[in-house]
Amino acid sequence: MSAKEMPVTFMGGNLLPEEIFDNGYLRVEHRNYYVSCGGTPIKLPRTEFLIFSRLTRTPDRIITAEELWTSVWGSNKPLNSESLHVYIYRLRAKLSGFGLHIETMVNVGYRLLTSKTQ
């Protein structure tokens, strides 16, 4: 059984595979608000974690700014591009030391790149 197939315990239960992203270097436990890179935990505030979590659910795929905004703030709050840019800037600063990069596709959206996919 590979590491990705092994069940992960979460408060007496198991996390479903879609609740964990693990590529052997980067691990994100979506329900636990946990991120680690190369075994080193990365502390992210809730909003930054939610943005990062959304990007890791579909790595290397462009996520529109609207989709990111809705996944974090919901559809009742209109898109604020400037706020989203600030959060992305903060995430980039925290993740760059681990070889993780968030690419901006102008007027399209964002995608997460690891050093292996650049």
Protein backbone atom coordinates (compact mmCIF):
# COMPACT_ATOMS: atom_id res chain seq x y z
CA MET A 1 0.00 0.00 0.00
CA SER A 2 1.51 3.36 -1.01
CA ALA A 3 1.64 6.38 1.30
CA LYS A 4 -1.16 8.03 -0.66
CA GLU A 5 -3.40 4.98 -0.22
CA MET A 6 -2.87 4.69 3.52
CA PRO A 7 -5.69 6.07 5.64
CA VAL A 8 -4.95 9.16 7.71
CA THR A 9 -6.54 9.45 11.13
CA PHE A 10 -8.54 12.60 11.89
CA MET A 11 -10.18 12.88 15.31
CA GLY A 12 -11.08 9.23 15.48
CA GLY A 13 -12.01 8.97 11.80
CA ASN A 14 -10.26 8.95 8.45
CA LEU A 15 -9.56 11.86 6.13
CA LEU A 16 -10.73 11.27 2.58
CA PRO A 17 -8.07 11.48 -0.15
CA GLU A 18 -9.51 14.78 -1.44
CA GLU A 19 -9.01 16.25 2.04
CA ILE A 20 -5.23 15.83 1.78
CA PHE A 21 -2.76 16.99 -0.83
CA ASP A 22 0.59 15.22 -0.54
CA ASN A 23 3.15 15.10 -3.33
CA GLY A 24 5.97 13.83 -1.12
CA TYR A 25 7.31 17.33 -0.48
CA LEU A 26 4.26 19.48 0.12
CA ARG A 27 1.48 18.26 2.41
CA VAL A 28 -1.79 20.10 2.95
CA GLU A 29 -4.47 18.72 5.26
CA HIS A 30 -7.48 20.79 4.27
CA ARG A 31 -9.68 19.98 7.28
CA ASN A 32 -6.86 20.39 9.81
CA TYR A 33 -5.56 23.72 8.43
CA TYR A 34 -2.12 22.10 8.26
CA VAL A 35 0.65 22.78 5.73
CA SER A 36 4.16 21.36 5.72
CA CYS A 37 6.94 21.46 3.19
CA GLY A 38 9.77 18.95 3.38
CA GLY A 39 8.51 18.04 6.84
CA THR A 40 8.65 21.64 8.10
CA PRO A 41 5.27 23.00 9.24
CA ILE A 42 4.25 26.34 7.71
CA LYS A 43 1.95 28.52 9.77
CA LEU A 44 -0.59 30.40 7.68
CA PRO A 45 -3.39 32.66 8.89
CA ARG A 46 -6.86 31.30 8.09
CA THR A 47 -7.50 33.39 4.97
CA GLU A 48 -4.09 32.65 3.48
CA PHE A 49 -4.57 28.96 4.26
CA LEU A 50 -7.96 28.92 2.52
CA ILE A 51 -6.49 30.50 -0.62
CA PHE A 52 -3.52 28.10 -0.58
CA SER A 53 -5.79 25.15 0.13
CA ARG A 54 -7.91 25.99 -2.92
CA LEU A 55 -4.82 26.25 -5.13
CA THR A 56 -3.53 22.85 -3.95
CA ARG A 57 -6.82 21.11 -4.69
CA THR A 58 -6.02 21.47 -8.40
CA PRO A 59 -2.25 22.03 -8.63
CA ASP A 60 -0.83 23.36 -11.89
CA ARG A 61 -4.32 24.39 -12.99
CA ILE A 62 -5.24 28.05 -13.30
CA ILE A 63 -7.89 29.14 -10.80
CA THR A 64 -9.73 32.33 -11.67
CA ALA A 65 -9.64 35.20 -9.20
CA GLU A 66 -13.42 34.96 -8.90
CA GLU A 67 -13.25 31.26 -8.05
CA LEU A 68 -10.57 31.86 -5.42
CA TRP A 69 -12.54 34.74 -3.93
CA THR A 70 -15.76 32.73 -3.77
CA SER A 71 -14.04 29.73 -2.18
CA VAL A 72 -12.71 31.94 0.65
CA TRP A 73 -15.26 34.74 1.11
CA GLY A 74 -18.37 33.22 -0.46
CA SER A 75 -20.57 34.50 -3.24
CA ASN A 76 -22.31 37.15 -1.12
CA LYS A 77 -19.24 39.39 -1.07
CA PRO A 78 -18.21 40.96 -4.42
CA LEU A 79 -14.70 40.31 -5.73
CA ASN A 80 -12.08 42.71 -4.37
CA SER A 81 -9.06 42.20 -6.62
CA GLU A 82 -6.80 44.42 -4.54
CA SER A 83 -7.44 42.41 -1.36
CA LEU A 84 -6.82 39.16 -3.19
CA HIS A 85 -3.54 40.54 -4.58
CA VAL A 86 -2.39 41.42 -1.06
CA TYR A 87 -3.10 37.90 0.22
CA ILE A 88 -1.32 36.35 -2.77
CA TYR A 89 1.67 38.65 -2.15
CA ARG A 90 1.84 37.53 1.49
CA LEU A 91 1.58 33.86 0.50
CA ARG A 92 4.35 34.24 -2.06
CA ALA A 93 6.64 35.75 0.56
CA LYS A 94 6.02 32.82 2.95
CA LEU A 95 6.23 30.05 0.35
CA SER A 96 9.16 31.15 -1.81
CA GLY A 97 11.73 29.84 0.69
CA PHE A 98 10.25 26.36 0.18
CA GLY A 99 10.45 26.42 -3.61
CA LEU A 100 6.72 27.00 -4.00
CA HIS A 101 5.46 29.72 -6.29
CA ILE A 102 2.08 31.17 -7.17
CA GLU A 103 2.00 32.24 -10.78
CA THR A 104 -0.22 35.09 -11.91
CA MET A 105 -1.94 34.78 -15.25
CA VAL A 106 -2.89 38.40 -15.93
CA ASN A 107 -6.66 38.89 -16.26
CA VAL A 108 -7.14 35.14 -15.80
CA GLY A 109 -6.16 33.93 -12.34
CA TYR A 110 -3.50 32.08 -10.36
CA ARG A 111 -1.90 28.68 -10.17
CA LEU A 112 0.43 26.97 -7.73
CA LEU A 113 3.79 25.81 -9.07
CA THR A 114 6.28 23.70 -7.17
CA SER A 115 9.97 23.93 -8.04
CA LYS A 116 9.56 20.63 -9.91
CA THR A 117 6.91 22.05 -12.27
CA GLN A 118 8.54 25.39 -13.10
